[in-house]
Amino acid sequence: MSKAVVSALYDSDVFRMACRQFDKAADAINLPEAIRDRTKYPKRCLAVALPIKREDGSVTVFEGYRVQHHLSTGPSKGGVRFHQNVTIGEVAALAMWMSWKCSLVGLPYGGAKGGVIVDPNLLTAGELEHLSRRYMQELVNFVGPQVDVPAPDVGTNERIMGWMMDTYSNHVGHVEPGVVTGKPIALGGSQGRREATGAGVAYLVKKYLSDLNLPITKATVAIQGFGNVGSEAALALAEYGAKIIAISDYTGAVYNPKGIDIQKALTYIRYQRVLRDFDGGEPITNEQLLELKCTVLIPAALERVITEKNAPKLKCRLLAEAANGPTTNAADKILDQREDLEIIPDVLCNSGGVVVSYFEWLQNLSNFYWGRDEVMQKLFAILDKAKDAVDYQKRKFKFSRRLAALTLGIQRVADAKQSRGLFP
C-alpha cells in the first residue's frame, strides 16, 4: 500500500502526530527504509454502518471503525471507544500507540483500536446494548481470541464487553470469553482489570517520585479526567499517601489545596454522572487545572491536551501520561528543554490496562483464574521491567524518556516483521 493512499485514508492531526513520533524514533535507531512503512502503517481497517432502532421507533445509523495495526507477533489488541468525536484517523493513531505499548512491555500482541461515533450519554440502556451488539456482529469475521481482542476504552465498560462477548459466542455456537477483555468477573473477567490502568499509573508515579527523592506522602496531584483511569489512579495514589488537589471531567474541574475526598467524589458521580457542582472544592476550568502548581500532573482524558501554548506554563515536577497521546509534538519539544520536569510517556505510563487484559486473555484460554494479589504482583513486575528498560535506553543513547520508550517498542515490532520476511 502506497504512502499516499494510507495517509489520505487516516489523515488527521492525531494520526500525523503519531507518524511524526514514529519517524523520529525510526531515525534515532536507523530503521532501514525497506521495513519502515511496513512497521508504521496499519495492516487493516474496517468501517461499518450500524443501524439501530431507537425506543421512539425511529432508526439511526451510526458509523464505526476497527483498525488492526499489525499482526506479526500475535493477535491484535485494543479498546473500543464510544465518543461523538471519533474519527478513523484517531482510531488508527491509537492502534499505532497500542502496538508500541504492547511491544514495549513484552506482550505477544499487535495494536488495534475501535470506535463508534456516538455520545453514549444520549442513548438509553437498551439502545446502548443494541449498538454494542451490532458493532460486534459487524466485526465477527475480523475478531477472535487468535485474531483481534477488543477491550473497553473511553465511553465503554465491562457491561458493554459482556454484550460483545455474548454476541460473538452466539455467532460461533459456544462460549468464547477470550474474544474480549475487560469483561465482568462472572463472564471470565480478571480480578484487578477494572483498576489496572489507573493502578499502573499510580505505581509508576510512586517509582519515579522515589527516583527523584520526592516522598509520595508530600506529593500533590492534579488529575485531568475522572473516568475509569483517572479515578482509579486517584484512589491508588491517595492510598500511597499522596494528596489529590484537583480532578476534572468534561463539565469542569474542582480544586482543593487541602485535598479532595476521592470517595466522596466517586459517590457524587455515581448519582449525578458528572462532576459539575461537586462541593469538594472550588470550581476551575480544565485549562486551569493543567497549569496548577503540583508535584504530579496526570492527563487522563483525551489526546492533545498539552500543547505548545500551555507546555511552558506547566508547574508540575512529574507529568504522568495516563491518556493516550496527551502531548502534542510541538509541546514535546518545549518539555524536552525543561530540566525541571520529568515525563512518564503514555506507552509506558498507561500500559497497565493492556497488561492485565493479557492476563485476562491467558486465564480465559487456560480456564484457570488468579486472585487479585497475584494479578497485581505480576503487573507490577512487568511494569518494573519495562521501566528499567526505558530508563536504560534513555541513559545509553541520551534520548528523552518518550524516545527511549518508542524506540524500544518500534524496534521489537520491526525485528518481528524482518524475521518473518515478506509473504509473496
Protein backbone atom coordinates (compact mmCIF):
# COMPACT_ATOMS: atom_id res chain seq x y z
CA MET A 1 0.00 0.00 0.00
CA SER A 2 1.50 3.33 -1.01
CA LYS A 3 2.27 6.05 1.47
CA ALA A 4 -0.11 8.49 -0.22
CA VAL A 5 -3.10 6.12 -0.09
CA VAL A 6 -2.65 5.29 3.59
CA SER A 7 -2.04 8.92 4.59
CA ALA A 8 -5.17 10.05 2.74
CA LEU A 9 -7.30 7.44 4.49
CA TYR A 10 -6.15 8.21 8.04
CA ASP A 11 -5.15 11.85 7.64
CA SER A 12 -5.84 13.79 10.85
CA ASP A 13 -3.92 15.83 13.40
CA VAL A 14 -3.62 12.92 15.79
CA PHE A 15 -2.50 10.41 13.11
CA ARG A 16 0.11 12.85 11.80
CA MET A 17 1.28 13.29 15.40
CA ALA A 18 1.70 9.52 15.83
CA CYS A 19 3.53 9.31 12.47
CA ARG A 20 5.93 12.11 13.45
CA GLN A 21 6.68 10.26 16.69
CA PHE A 22 7.37 7.11 14.66
CA ASP A 23 9.60 8.94 12.16
CA LYS A 24 11.67 10.49 14.94
CA ALA A 25 12.12 7.11 16.64
CA ALA A 26 12.88 5.31 13.36
CA ASP A 27 15.55 7.90 12.54
CA ALA A 28 17.05 7.54 16.01
CA ILE A 29 17.55 3.77 15.58
CA ASN A 30 18.37 3.96 11.84
CA LEU A 31 15.47 1.72 10.90
CA PRO A 32 16.04 0.52 7.30
CA GLU A 33 13.79 2.12 4.69
CA ALA A 34 12.64 -1.30 3.46
CA ILE A 35 10.96 -2.05 6.79
CA ARG A 36 9.75 1.45 7.77
CA ASP A 37 6.38 1.68 6.05
CA ARG A 38 5.54 -1.94 6.92
CA THR A 39 6.16 -1.15 10.57
CA LYS A 40 4.50 2.26 10.51
CA TYR A 41 1.16 1.93 8.72
CA PRO A 42 -1.87 -0.11 9.82
CA LYS A 43 -2.33 -3.52 8.24
CA ARG A 44 -6.11 -3.46 8.05
CA CYS A 45 -9.12 -1.27 8.76
CA LEU A 46 -12.85 -1.80 8.71
CA ALA A 47 -15.61 0.83 8.54
CA VAL A 48 -19.14 -0.33 9.36
CA ALA A 49 -22.65 1.15 9.31
CA LEU A 50 -24.62 0.37 12.47
CA PRO A 51 -28.41 0.86 12.10
CA ILE A 52 -30.15 0.91 15.48
CA LYS A 53 -33.90 1.01 16.15
CA ARG A 54 -34.49 3.67 18.79
CA GLU A 55 -37.04 3.39 21.57
CA ASP A 56 -39.22 6.02 19.90
CA GLY A 57 -39.47 3.76 16.82
CA SER A 58 -37.04 5.73 14.63
CA VAL A 59 -33.84 4.26 13.14
CA THR A 60 -30.41 5.87 13.48
CA VAL A 61 -27.36 4.69 11.53
CA PHE A 62 -24.11 5.11 13.46
CA GLU A 63 -20.64 4.74 11.95
CA GLY A 64 -17.99 2.50 13.48
CA TYR A 65 -14.37 1.55 12.82
CA ARG A 66 -11.79 -1.07 13.71
CA VAL A 67 -8.11 -0.65 12.83
CA GLN A 68 -5.62 -3.51 13.24
CA HIS A 69 -2.13 -2.05 13.14
CA HIS A 70 -0.07 -5.21 12.93
CA LEU A 71 -0.44 -8.96 13.44
CA SER A 72 3.22 -10.03 13.30
CA THR A 73 3.62 -11.19 16.91
CA GLY A 74 0.13 -12.47 17.73
CA PRO A 75 -3.48 -11.28 17.69
CA SER A 76 -4.06 -7.54 17.70
CA LYS A 77 -5.32 -5.95 20.90
CA GLY A 78 -7.01 -2.70 21.78
CA GLY A 79 -10.02 -0.87 23.13
CA VAL A 80 -13.31 0.23 21.61
CA ARG A 81 -14.17 3.91 22.05
CA PHE A 82 -17.75 5.26 22.03
CA HIS A 83 -17.40 9.03 21.59
CA GLN A 84 -19.01 11.70 19.45
CA ASN A 85 -15.64 12.92 18.10
CA VAL A 86 -14.24 9.56 16.98
CA THR A 87 -12.52 9.61 13.56
CA ILE A 88 -10.80 6.83 11.64
CA GLY A 89 -7.54 8.81 11.88
CA GLU A 90 -7.81 8.92 15.67
CA VAL A 91 -8.54 5.19 15.80
CA ALA A 92 -5.52 4.46 13.56
CA ALA A 93 -3.23 6.58 15.76
CA LEU A 94 -4.45 4.82 18.90
CA ALA A 95 -3.84 1.44 17.21
CA MET A 96 -0.26 2.52 16.42
CA TRP A 97 0.40 3.56 20.00
CA MET A 98 -1.06 0.27 21.21
CA SER A 99 1.44 -1.58 19.01
CA TRP A 100 4.41 0.17 20.60
CA LYS A 101 2.88 -0.23 24.06
CA CYS A 102 2.36 -4.00 23.75
CA SER A 103 5.83 -4.39 22.28
CA LEU A 104 7.45 -2.28 24.99
CA VAL A 105 6.02 -4.37 27.84
CA GLY A 106 6.70 -7.66 26.04
CA LEU A 107 3.17 -8.82 25.19
CA PRO A 108 2.58 -11.14 22.18
CA TYR A 109 0.12 -8.70 20.59
CA GLY A 110 -0.11 -6.20 17.79
CA GLY A 111 -2.00 -2.99 18.34
CA ALA A 112 -5.63 -2.39 17.39
CA LYS A 113 -8.36 0.09 18.23
CA GLY A 114 -12.05 0.52 17.54
CA GLY A 115 -14.53 3.33 17.75
CA VAL A 116 -18.13 4.34 17.15
CA ILE A 117 -19.19 7.96 16.50
CA VAL A 118 -21.77 8.33 19.27
CA ASP A 119 -22.33 10.12 22.56
CA PRO A 120 -23.28 7.14 24.77
CA ASN A 121 -24.86 9.51 27.30
CA LEU A 122 -27.62 10.22 24.76
CA LEU A 123 -28.61 6.55 24.42
CA THR A 124 -30.92 4.58 26.68
CA ALA A 125 -29.54 1.38 28.21
CA GLY A 126 -31.43 -0.67 25.62
CA GLU A 127 -30.14 1.42 22.71
CA LEU A 128 -26.59 1.15 24.05
CA GLU A 129 -26.90 -2.63 24.18
CA HIS A 130 -28.26 -2.79 20.62
CA LEU A 131 -25.40 -0.61 19.36
CA SER A 132 -22.75 -2.66 21.19
CA ARG A 133 -24.11 -5.94 19.87
CA ARG A 134 -24.49 -4.60 16.34
CA TYR A 135 -20.90 -3.37 16.35
CA MET A 136 -19.62 -6.81 17.39
CA GLN A 137 -21.90 -8.50 14.85
CA GLU A 138 -20.30 -6.46 12.05
CA LEU A 139 -16.81 -7.32 13.34
CA VAL A 140 -17.43 -11.00 13.91
CA ASN A 141 -15.33 -12.22 10.94
CA PHE A 142 -12.43 -9.92 11.82
CA VAL A 143 -12.02 -10.60 15.55
CA GLY A 144 -11.41 -13.65 17.74
CA PRO A 145 -9.09 -14.87 20.51
CA GLN A 146 -6.29 -15.53 17.99
CA VAL A 147 -7.13 -12.66 15.61
CA ASP A 148 -8.12 -9.44 17.40
CA VAL A 149 -9.24 -8.96 21.00
CA PRO A 150 -11.25 -5.78 21.82
CA ALA A 151 -11.43 -4.19 25.27
CA PRO A 152 -13.06 -1.16 26.98
CA ASP A 153 -11.93 2.40 26.27
CA VAL A 154 -13.46 5.87 26.57
CA GLY A 155 -17.26 5.56 26.69
CA THR A 156 -17.32 1.75 27.06
CA ASN A 157 -17.15 -0.52 30.09
CA GLU A 158 -17.30 -4.11 31.30
CA ARG A 159 -21.06 -4.36 30.74
CA ILE A 160 -20.58 -3.49 27.05
CA MET A 161 -17.77 -6.05 26.80
CA GLY A 162 -20.16 -8.64 28.23
CA TRP A 163 -22.70 -7.89 25.49
CA MET A 164 -19.99 -8.11 22.83
CA MET A 165 -18.73 -11.44 24.19
CA ASP A 166 -22.28 -12.82 24.22
CA THR A 167 -22.87 -11.68 20.62
CA TYR A 168 -19.67 -13.34 19.39
CA SER A 169 -20.35 -16.51 21.39
CA ASN A 170 -23.84 -16.82 19.90
CA HIS A 171 -22.34 -16.49 16.43
CA VAL A 172 -19.68 -19.21 16.87
CA GLY A 173 -22.00 -21.53 18.80
CA HIS A 174 -20.08 -21.80 22.07
CA VAL A 175 -18.96 -19.57 24.93
CA GLU A 176 -15.78 -17.75 23.90
CA PRO A 177 -14.67 -15.50 26.77
CA GLY A 178 -11.25 -14.82 25.19
CA VAL A 179 -12.73 -12.73 22.36
CA VAL A 180 -12.77 -9.58 24.53
CA THR A 181 -11.15 -8.47 27.77
CA GLY A 182 -12.40 -6.11 30.46
CA LYS A 183 -15.49 -8.31 30.99
CA PRO A 184 -17.48 -8.74 34.20
CA ILE A 185 -15.90 -11.26 36.59
CA ALA A 186 -18.95 -13.53 36.13
CA LEU A 187 -18.17 -13.86 32.41
CA GLY A 188 -14.47 -14.63 32.76
CA GLY A 189 -13.14 -11.18 33.59
CA SER A 190 -9.92 -10.88 35.56
CA GLN A 191 -9.54 -9.71 39.12
CA GLY A 192 -7.85 -6.32 39.02
CA ARG A 193 -8.73 -5.50 35.40
CA ARG A 194 -11.03 -2.57 36.17
CA GLU A 195 -8.40 -0.73 38.17
CA ALA A 196 -5.36 -1.97 36.22
CA THR A 197 -4.59 1.13 34.12
CA GLY A 198 -5.02 3.58 36.99
CA ALA A 199 -3.18 1.33 39.44
CA GLY A 200 -0.31 1.04 36.96
CA VAL A 201 -0.16 4.83 36.56
CA ALA A 202 -0.05 5.27 40.34
CA TYR A 203 2.63 2.59 40.75
CA LEU A 204 4.90 4.21 38.15
CA VAL A 205 4.31 7.66 39.67
CA LYS A 206 5.42 6.28 43.03
CA LYS A 207 8.53 4.70 41.47
CA TYR A 208 9.56 7.86 39.61
CA LEU A 209 8.94 10.09 42.63
CA SER A 210 11.24 7.77 44.58
CA ASP A 211 13.89 8.15 41.84
CA LEU A 212 13.55 11.94 42.21
CA ASN A 213 13.85 11.67 46.02
CA LEU A 214 10.37 13.14 46.44
CA PRO A 215 8.33 11.46 49.22
CA ILE A 216 4.92 10.48 47.89
CA THR A 217 3.34 11.41 51.22
CA LYS A 218 4.26 15.04 50.50
CA ALA A 219 3.22 14.95 46.84
CA THR A 220 0.27 16.92 45.43
CA VAL A 221 -1.53 15.52 42.39
CA ALA A 222 -3.81 17.11 39.76
CA ILE A 223 -5.76 14.74 37.51
CA GLN A 224 -7.46 15.86 34.30
CA GLY A 225 -10.13 13.27 33.54
CA PHE A 226 -12.02 11.39 36.26
CA GLY A 227 -13.25 8.39 34.32
CA ASN A 228 -12.09 4.85 35.00
CA VAL A 229 -8.36 5.58 34.64
CA GLY A 230 -8.29 8.93 36.43
CA SER A 231 -10.44 7.82 39.35
CA GLU A 232 -8.54 4.56 39.89
CA ALA A 233 -5.21 6.42 39.74
CA ALA A 234 -6.58 8.89 42.30
CA LEU A 235 -7.67 6.10 44.64
CA ALA A 236 -4.32 4.30 44.39
CA LEU A 237 -2.26 7.47 44.86
CA ALA A 238 -4.37 8.50 47.86
CA GLU A 239 -3.75 5.03 49.28
CA TYR A 240 0.00 5.62 48.84
CA GLY A 241 -0.35 8.86 50.81
CA ALA A 242 -0.42 11.50 48.07
CA LYS A 243 -2.79 14.47 48.25
CA ILE A 244 -5.17 14.81 45.28
CA ILE A 245 -5.72 18.56 44.92
CA ALA A 246 -7.67 18.69 41.63
CA ILE A 247 -9.86 16.44 39.48
CA SER A 248 -11.99 17.10 36.41
CA ASP A 249 -14.32 15.75 33.75
CA TYR A 250 -15.71 17.34 30.59
CA THR A 251 -18.08 19.55 32.65
CA GLY A 252 -15.24 21.27 34.52
CA ALA A 253 -12.70 20.84 37.31
CA VAL A 254 -12.60 21.03 41.11
CA TYR A 255 -9.60 22.37 43.05
CA ASN A 256 -8.95 22.00 46.77
CA PRO A 257 -5.40 22.67 48.05
CA LYS A 258 -6.22 20.79 51.27
CA GLY A 259 -7.04 17.64 49.30
CA ILE A 260 -10.17 16.22 47.70
CA ASP A 261 -12.12 13.37 49.28
CA ILE A 262 -11.95 10.90 46.37
CA GLN A 263 -14.57 8.52 47.77
CA LYS A 264 -16.98 11.43 48.16
CA ALA A 265 -16.32 12.48 44.56
CA LEU A 266 -16.93 8.94 43.30
CA THR A 267 -20.20 8.73 45.23
CA TYR A 268 -21.27 12.08 43.79
CA ILE A 269 -20.53 10.92 40.21
CA ARG A 270 -22.36 7.63 40.79
CA TYR A 271 -25.57 9.58 41.33
CA GLN A 272 -25.03 12.77 39.31
CA ARG A 273 -22.96 11.19 36.47
CA VAL A 274 -20.82 14.35 36.16
CA LEU A 275 -18.58 16.43 38.46
CA ARG A 276 -20.43 19.70 37.82
CA ASP A 277 -21.49 21.35 41.13
CA PHE A 278 -19.47 18.89 43.26
CA ASP A 279 -18.82 20.77 46.52
CA GLY A 280 -15.45 19.20 47.37
CA GLY A 281 -13.52 22.30 46.30
CA GLU A 282 -13.68 25.45 44.19
CA PRO A 283 -14.69 25.15 40.53
CA ILE A 284 -11.95 25.84 37.93
CA THR A 285 -11.61 25.04 34.23
CA ASN A 286 -9.78 22.05 32.73
CA GLU A 287 -7.25 24.50 31.28
CA GLN A 288 -6.57 25.98 34.73
CA LEU A 289 -6.14 22.50 36.19
CA LEU A 290 -3.33 21.72 33.74
CA GLU A 291 -1.41 24.80 34.89
CA LEU A 292 -1.79 24.27 38.66
CA LYS A 293 1.31 24.12 40.83
CA CYS A 294 1.59 20.45 41.84
CA THR A 295 4.09 17.62 42.19
CA VAL A 296 2.35 15.36 39.67
CA LEU A 297 0.10 16.27 36.75
CA ILE A 298 -1.89 13.38 35.23
CA PRO A 299 -3.72 13.99 31.95
CA ALA A 300 -6.16 11.05 31.95
CA ALA A 301 -8.76 12.09 29.38
CA LEU A 302 -8.37 12.54 25.61
CA GLU A 303 -5.34 13.20 23.42
CA ARG A 304 -3.59 16.50 22.55
CA VAL A 305 -4.34 18.50 25.73
CA ILE A 306 -0.71 19.51 26.45
CA THR A 307 0.06 21.98 23.66
CA GLU A 308 2.76 24.50 22.77
CA LYS A 309 0.58 27.15 24.45
CA ASN A 310 0.39 25.55 27.89
CA ALA A 311 3.61 23.46 27.89
CA PRO A 312 5.74 26.42 29.12
CA LYS A 313 3.18 27.07 31.88
CA LEU A 314 3.10 23.58 33.45
CA LYS A 315 4.12 23.79 37.12
CA CYS A 316 4.44 20.07 37.90
CA ARG A 317 7.61 18.10 38.65
CA LEU A 318 6.30 14.91 37.02
CA LEU A 319 3.96 14.63 34.02
CA ALA A 320 2.35 11.16 34.02
CA GLU A 321 0.55 10.50 30.74
CA ALA A 322 -2.39 8.31 31.71
CA ALA A 323 -4.21 9.25 28.47
CA ASN A 324 -3.02 8.22 25.01
CA GLY A 325 -1.20 10.95 23.11
CA PRO A 326 -1.96 13.82 25.51
CA THR A 327 1.15 15.80 24.50
CA THR A 328 1.49 17.29 21.00
CA ASN A 329 4.77 17.15 19.08
CA ALA A 330 5.26 20.92 19.48
CA ALA A 331 4.67 20.67 23.25
CA ASP A 332 7.09 17.75 23.43
CA LYS A 333 9.90 19.91 22.02
CA ILE A 334 9.26 22.53 24.70
CA LEU A 335 9.11 19.98 27.53
CA ASP A 336 12.34 18.33 26.31
CA GLN A 337 14.14 21.61 27.06
CA ARG A 338 12.75 21.85 30.59
CA GLU A 339 15.10 20.32 33.14
CA ASP A 340 12.61 20.97 35.95
CA LEU A 341 10.07 18.44 34.62
CA GLU A 342 10.13 14.67 34.04
CA ILE A 343 7.70 12.76 31.82
CA ILE A 344 6.35 9.22 32.10
CA PRO A 345 5.32 8.70 28.44
CA ASP A 346 1.92 7.24 27.62
CA VAL A 347 3.19 3.99 26.06
CA LEU A 348 4.75 3.14 29.44
CA CYS A 349 2.54 5.06 31.87
CA ASN A 350 -0.87 3.63 30.90
CA SER A 351 0.27 0.15 29.85
CA GLY A 352 -1.17 -1.49 33.00
CA GLY A 353 -4.57 -1.91 31.32
CA VAL A 354 -3.32 -3.96 28.39
CA VAL A 355 -1.01 -5.98 30.66
CA VAL A 356 -3.95 -7.13 32.80
CA SER A 357 -6.05 -7.58 29.64
CA TYR A 358 -3.31 -10.00 28.57
CA PHE A 359 -3.63 -11.77 31.92
CA GLU A 360 -7.40 -11.99 31.42
CA TRP A 361 -6.91 -13.48 27.94
CA LEU A 362 -4.42 -16.04 29.31
CA GLN A 363 -6.85 -17.02 32.06
CA ASN A 364 -9.69 -17.39 29.51
CA LEU A 365 -7.57 -19.60 27.23
CA SER A 366 -6.48 -21.85 30.09
CA ASN A 367 -9.74 -21.70 32.10
CA PHE A 368 -7.64 -21.15 35.20
CA TYR A 369 -8.17 -17.95 37.20
CA TRP A 370 -5.91 -15.96 39.53
CA GLY A 371 -6.59 -13.89 42.65
CA ARG A 372 -6.23 -10.11 42.69
CA ASP A 373 -2.95 -10.14 44.66
CA GLU A 374 -1.36 -12.45 42.09
CA VAL A 375 -2.59 -10.26 39.22
CA MET A 376 -1.18 -7.09 40.81
CA GLN A 377 2.12 -8.75 41.69
CA LYS A 378 2.57 -9.90 38.08
CA LEU A 379 1.51 -6.47 36.75
CA PHE A 380 4.00 -4.56 38.89
CA ALA A 381 6.81 -6.98 37.92
CA ILE A 382 6.17 -6.30 34.22
CA LEU A 383 5.98 -2.53 34.80
CA ASP A 384 9.28 -2.64 36.73
CA LYS A 385 10.97 -4.48 33.87
CA ALA A 386 9.62 -2.05 31.25
CA LYS A 387 10.57 1.00 33.35
CA ASP A 388 14.13 -0.31 33.80
CA ALA A 389 14.45 -0.98 30.04
CA VAL A 390 13.21 2.52 29.16
CA ASP A 391 15.49 4.23 31.67
CA TYR A 392 18.49 2.19 30.47
CA GLN A 393 17.73 3.12 26.84
CA LYS A 394 17.40 6.77 27.89
CA ARG A 395 20.80 6.78 29.62
CA LYS A 396 22.60 4.74 26.96
CA PHE A 397 21.58 6.90 23.98
CA LYS A 398 20.84 10.18 25.81
CA PHE A 399 17.26 10.03 24.50
CA SER A 400 14.22 11.64 26.05
CA ARG A 401 12.16 9.12 28.00
CA ARG A 402 9.47 9.16 25.30
CA LEU A 403 12.01 8.50 22.54
CA ALA A 404 13.55 5.72 24.62
CA ALA A 405 10.16 4.02 25.08
CA LEU A 406 9.15 4.41 21.43
CA THR A 407 12.46 3.17 20.04
CA LEU A 408 12.27 0.03 22.19
CA GLY A 409 8.70 -0.72 21.13
CA ILE A 410 9.20 0.06 17.44
CA GLN A 411 12.48 -1.87 17.16
CA ARG A 412 10.86 -5.04 18.52
CA VAL A 413 7.97 -4.85 16.03
CA ALA A 414 10.39 -4.17 13.15
CA ASP A 415 12.54 -7.12 14.23
CA ALA A 416 9.49 -9.42 14.21
CA LYS A 417 8.46 -8.28 10.72
CA GLN A 418 12.04 -8.64 9.45
CA SER A 419 12.30 -12.14 10.91
CA ARG A 420 9.05 -13.29 9.32
CA GLY A 421 10.04 -11.92 5.93
CA LEU A 422 7.67 -10.69 3.22
CA PHE A 423 4.92 -13.06 2.13
CA PRO A 424 4.87 -13.27 -1.72
